[in-house]
Protein backbone atom coordinates (compact mmCIF):
# COMPACT_ATOMS: atom_id res chain seq x y z
CA MET A 1 15.23 13.04 5.98
CA LYS A 2 13.26 10.39 5.95
CA LEU A 3 10.63 9.12 2.84
CA VAL A 4 6.76 9.39 3.70
CA TYR A 5 4.69 6.55 1.39
CA VAL A 6 1.13 7.21 1.89
CA PHE A 7 -1.09 4.22 0.04
CA ASP A 8 -3.65 2.11 0.48
CA ALA A 9 -3.02 -1.46 -0.41
CA TYR A 10 -6.59 -1.40 -2.49
CA CYS A 11 -5.30 0.73 -4.56
CA GLY A 12 -4.74 -0.04 -8.02
CA TRP A 13 -1.96 2.75 -8.34
CA SER A 14 -0.55 2.35 -5.50
CA HIS A 15 -0.05 -1.14 -7.07
CA GLY A 16 1.22 0.33 -10.12
CA PHE A 17 3.59 2.15 -7.89
CA THR A 18 5.48 -0.75 -6.46
CA ALA A 19 8.48 -0.82 -9.16
CA THR A 20 9.18 2.54 -8.56
CA LEU A 21 9.35 2.47 -4.71
CA ARG A 22 11.56 -0.93 -4.67
CA GLU A 23 14.13 0.83 -6.64
CA ILE A 24 14.26 4.36 -4.94
CA THR A 25 13.85 2.31 -1.43
CA ARG A 26 16.93 0.36 -2.96
CA ARG A 27 19.10 3.37 -4.46
CA HIS A 28 18.62 4.94 -1.12
CA PRO A 29 19.13 2.63 1.48
CA ASP A 30 19.90 5.46 4.52
CA LEU A 31 16.91 6.79 3.91
CA PRO A 32 14.49 5.39 6.49
CA VAL A 33 10.57 4.66 4.75
CA GLU A 34 7.12 5.44 7.03
CA VAL A 35 4.70 3.41 5.52
CA VAL A 36 1.05 5.19 6.26
CA SER A 37 -2.29 3.37 5.22
CA GLY A 38 -4.76 5.53 3.67
CA GLY A 39 -8.61 5.12 3.75
CA LEU A 40 -9.62 4.45 0.02
CA PHE A 41 -12.70 2.20 0.72
CA THR A 42 -14.08 2.69 4.19
CA GLY A 43 -17.50 4.04 5.49
CA GLY A 44 -19.94 4.18 2.63
CA ARG A 45 -16.98 2.75 -0.15
CA ARG A 46 -16.98 -0.79 0.99
CA VAL A 47 -19.76 -2.10 -1.00
CA PRO A 48 -19.26 -5.10 -4.08
CA ILE A 49 -16.51 -4.39 -6.40
CA ARG A 50 -18.97 -4.62 -9.04
CA GLU A 51 -19.91 -1.13 -8.24
CA PHE A 52 -16.89 0.15 -8.87
CA GLY A 53 -17.53 -0.18 -12.93
CA TYR A 54 -14.40 1.62 -14.18
CA VAL A 55 -11.98 -1.04 -12.02
CA GLN A 56 -10.89 -2.99 -15.11
CA GLY A 57 -10.47 -0.18 -17.52
CA ALA A 58 -8.20 2.04 -14.93
CA ASN A 59 -6.47 -1.71 -14.26
CA ALA A 60 -5.79 -1.07 -18.41
CA HIS A 61 -4.67 2.52 -17.81
CA ILE A 62 -2.63 1.38 -14.95
CA ALA A 63 -0.49 -1.39 -16.54
CA GLU A 64 -0.22 0.67 -19.28
CA GLN A 65 1.38 3.26 -18.04
CA THR A 66 3.46 1.58 -15.06
CA GLY A 67 4.03 -1.64 -16.54
CA ALA A 68 2.44 -3.43 -13.37
CA THR A 69 0.65 -6.82 -13.61
CA PHE A 70 -2.91 -7.77 -12.69
CA GLY A 71 -2.70 -11.84 -11.99
CA GLN A 72 -5.47 -13.75 -13.50
CA ALA A 73 -7.04 -14.62 -9.51
CA TYR A 74 -7.41 -10.99 -8.90
CA GLU A 75 -9.02 -10.98 -12.70
CA ARG A 76 -11.41 -13.72 -11.28
CA LEU A 77 -12.55 -11.51 -8.25
CA ILE A 78 -13.29 -8.57 -10.81
CA ALA A 79 -15.04 -10.55 -12.87
CA ASP A 80 -16.95 -12.53 -10.37
CA GLY A 81 -18.08 -9.04 -8.31
CA SER A 82 -19.05 -9.24 -5.32
CA PHE A 83 -15.56 -8.74 -3.27
CA VAL A 84 -15.53 -5.99 -0.97
CA MET A 85 -12.32 -3.80 -0.82
CA ASP A 86 -12.02 -2.69 3.18
CA SER A 87 -9.27 -0.21 3.45
CA GLU A 88 -9.28 -0.42 7.06
CA ALA A 89 -8.96 -4.24 7.24
CA ALA A 90 -6.30 -4.31 4.45
CA ALA A 91 -4.88 -0.97 6.94
CA ARG A 92 -5.17 -3.45 9.85
CA GLY A 93 -2.64 -5.95 8.07
CA VAL A 94 -0.35 -2.75 7.42
CA ALA A 95 -0.18 -2.29 11.03
CA ALA A 96 0.59 -5.92 11.70
CA VAL A 97 3.38 -6.57 9.43
CA ARG A 98 4.57 -2.71 10.50
CA GLN A 99 4.70 -3.90 14.06
CA VAL A 100 6.63 -7.42 13.37
CA ALA A 101 9.45 -6.12 10.69
CA PRO A 102 9.25 -2.29 10.85
CA ASP A 103 12.75 -2.24 8.86
CA ARG A 104 10.63 -3.53 6.21
CA ALA A 105 7.31 -1.67 6.22
CA ALA A 106 7.73 -0.59 2.28
CA GLU A 107 8.82 -3.88 1.16
CA LEU A 108 5.98 -5.78 3.21
CA ALA A 109 3.58 -3.24 1.89
CA THR A 110 4.32 -3.93 -1.83
CA ALA A 111 3.85 -8.02 -0.72
CA LEU A 112 0.30 -6.87 -0.10
CA GLN A 113 -0.35 -5.23 -2.83
CA HIS A 114 0.95 -8.37 -4.86
CA ALA A 115 -1.17 -10.94 -2.40
CA PHE A 116 -4.73 -9.07 -3.92
CA TYR A 117 -3.54 -8.03 -7.30
CA VAL A 118 -1.70 -10.91 -8.00
CA ASP A 119 -2.59 -13.74 -6.27
CA GLY A 120 -6.55 -12.15 -5.47
CA LEU A 121 -5.91 -12.92 -1.94
CA SER A 122 -8.65 -10.62 0.52
CA LEU A 123 -6.28 -8.09 2.83
CA SER A 124 -9.26 -9.30 5.06
CA GLU A 125 -8.21 -12.22 5.95
CA ALA A 126 -5.47 -13.72 8.59
CA ALA A 127 -4.42 -16.46 6.18
CA THR A 128 -3.45 -13.91 3.71
CA TYR A 129 -1.02 -12.13 6.17
CA ARG A 130 0.43 -15.80 7.31
CA THR A 131 1.06 -16.42 3.34
CA VAL A 132 2.59 -12.98 2.93
CA ALA A 133 4.43 -13.32 6.30
CA GLN A 134 6.08 -17.03 5.71
CA ALA A 135 6.61 -15.68 2.14
CA ALA A 136 9.26 -13.02 3.71
CA GLY A 137 10.54 -15.28 6.21
CA LEU A 138 8.80 -13.63 9.43
CA ASP A 139 6.99 -15.40 12.20
CA ALA A 140 3.45 -15.89 10.82
CA ASP A 141 1.90 -16.12 14.03
CA ALA A 142 3.18 -12.96 15.30
CA VAL A 143 1.96 -10.96 12.14
CA VAL A 144 -1.69 -13.14 12.23
CA ALA A 145 -1.85 -12.36 16.09
CA ALA A 146 -1.01 -8.83 15.35
CA PHE A 147 -3.58 -8.45 12.65
CA GLU A 148 -6.34 -9.93 14.88
CA GLU A 149 -5.41 -7.82 18.08
CA PRO A 150 -7.23 -4.95 19.01
CA GLU A 151 -4.88 -2.43 18.72
CA ALA A 152 -4.65 -2.95 14.83
CA GLN A 153 -7.65 -1.48 14.36
CA THR A 154 -6.22 1.68 16.71
CA ALA A 155 -3.10 1.89 14.50
CA ALA A 156 -5.31 1.66 11.14
CA ARG A 157 -7.05 4.45 12.23
CA ALA A 158 -4.20 6.32 13.34
CA ASP A 159 -2.57 6.12 10.05
CA PHE A 160 -5.80 7.25 7.94
CA ARG A 161 -5.42 10.19 10.71
CA ARG A 162 -1.90 10.70 9.87
CA ALA A 163 -2.49 10.60 6.17
CA ALA A 164 -5.22 13.64 6.58
CA GLN A 165 -2.98 15.72 8.82
CA LEU A 166 -0.22 15.00 5.91
CA GLY A 167 -2.62 16.51 3.48
CA VAL A 168 -3.08 13.75 1.49
CA SER A 169 -6.02 12.80 -0.01
CA ALA A 170 -4.86 10.91 -3.49
CA PHE A 171 -3.35 7.49 -3.30
CA PRO A 172 -0.64 6.63 -4.03
CA THR A 173 1.86 9.75 -2.28
CA LEU A 174 5.55 9.63 -1.63
CA LEU A 175 6.52 12.35 0.78
CA ALA A 176 9.97 13.74 1.33
CA LEU A 177 9.92 14.80 5.10
CA ASP A 178 12.66 17.10 7.01
CA GLY A 179 11.85 17.96 10.39
CA GLU A 180 8.86 19.91 9.66
CA HIS A 181 9.02 20.28 6.23
CA VAL A 182 7.03 18.21 3.95
CA VAL A 183 8.03 18.06 0.69
CA PRO A 184 5.90 16.21 -2.14
CA LEU A 185 7.83 13.67 -4.55
CA ALA A 186 5.33 11.67 -6.32
CA LEU A 187 1.73 11.75 -6.48
CA GLY A 188 0.23 8.85 -8.77
CA HIS A 189 2.62 7.50 -10.56
CA ALA A 190 6.47 8.77 -11.17
CA THR A 191 9.81 6.55 -12.33
CA ALA A 192 12.26 5.78 -9.86
CA ASP A 193 14.46 8.92 -11.59
CA GLU A 194 12.11 11.79 -11.55
CA VAL A 195 11.56 11.11 -8.02
CA ASP A 196 15.64 10.76 -7.30
CA ARG A 197 15.54 14.40 -9.51
CA ARG A 198 13.35 15.99 -6.90
CA LEU A 199 15.52 14.58 -3.98
CA ALA A 200 18.39 16.15 -5.28
CA ASN A 201 16.80 19.36 -5.41
CA LEU A 202 16.94 19.37 -2.13
CA ASN A 203 20.34 19.02 -1.26
């Protein structure tokens, strides 16, 4: 059995799920985690953040429900309103760190969300992946090269298809996958204890 974490790096609720994901992976080091990027902001949804008028209210709700923090640099991005969230670029970044450090995919996914939601860094910029890679002790040149190569875009689109095949249309979603058997463990928000209880029911 393995866990499948379907998220979007530009999804506030996925950022809110960080603590739960970290705790679950800590409690279950024997369970591999497949990290899949969703395509929340693609196509016509790639617009200046000011066009999503609900963002600040949603973030306050996420913080209240999950304890997640949003940094001042990120808040300045929201206040300016011109930043464009591009989930395909973010998925290329996820694919890049996953390629360089596949066993740390879940940890690095949360690090990318921290880079955006706390440090206010764009997930469309190679420099962000260099910063995250260096902080994680990875080969930063290798991560940046992986982000910039054409295969990263192919991997991003493959992730979007994988999410659809799994029937996931909302993020984050945590699944247990045992062969062809797929069991939802969390959708949007859940505590580590709640996920554990659902995992226990599978045994």
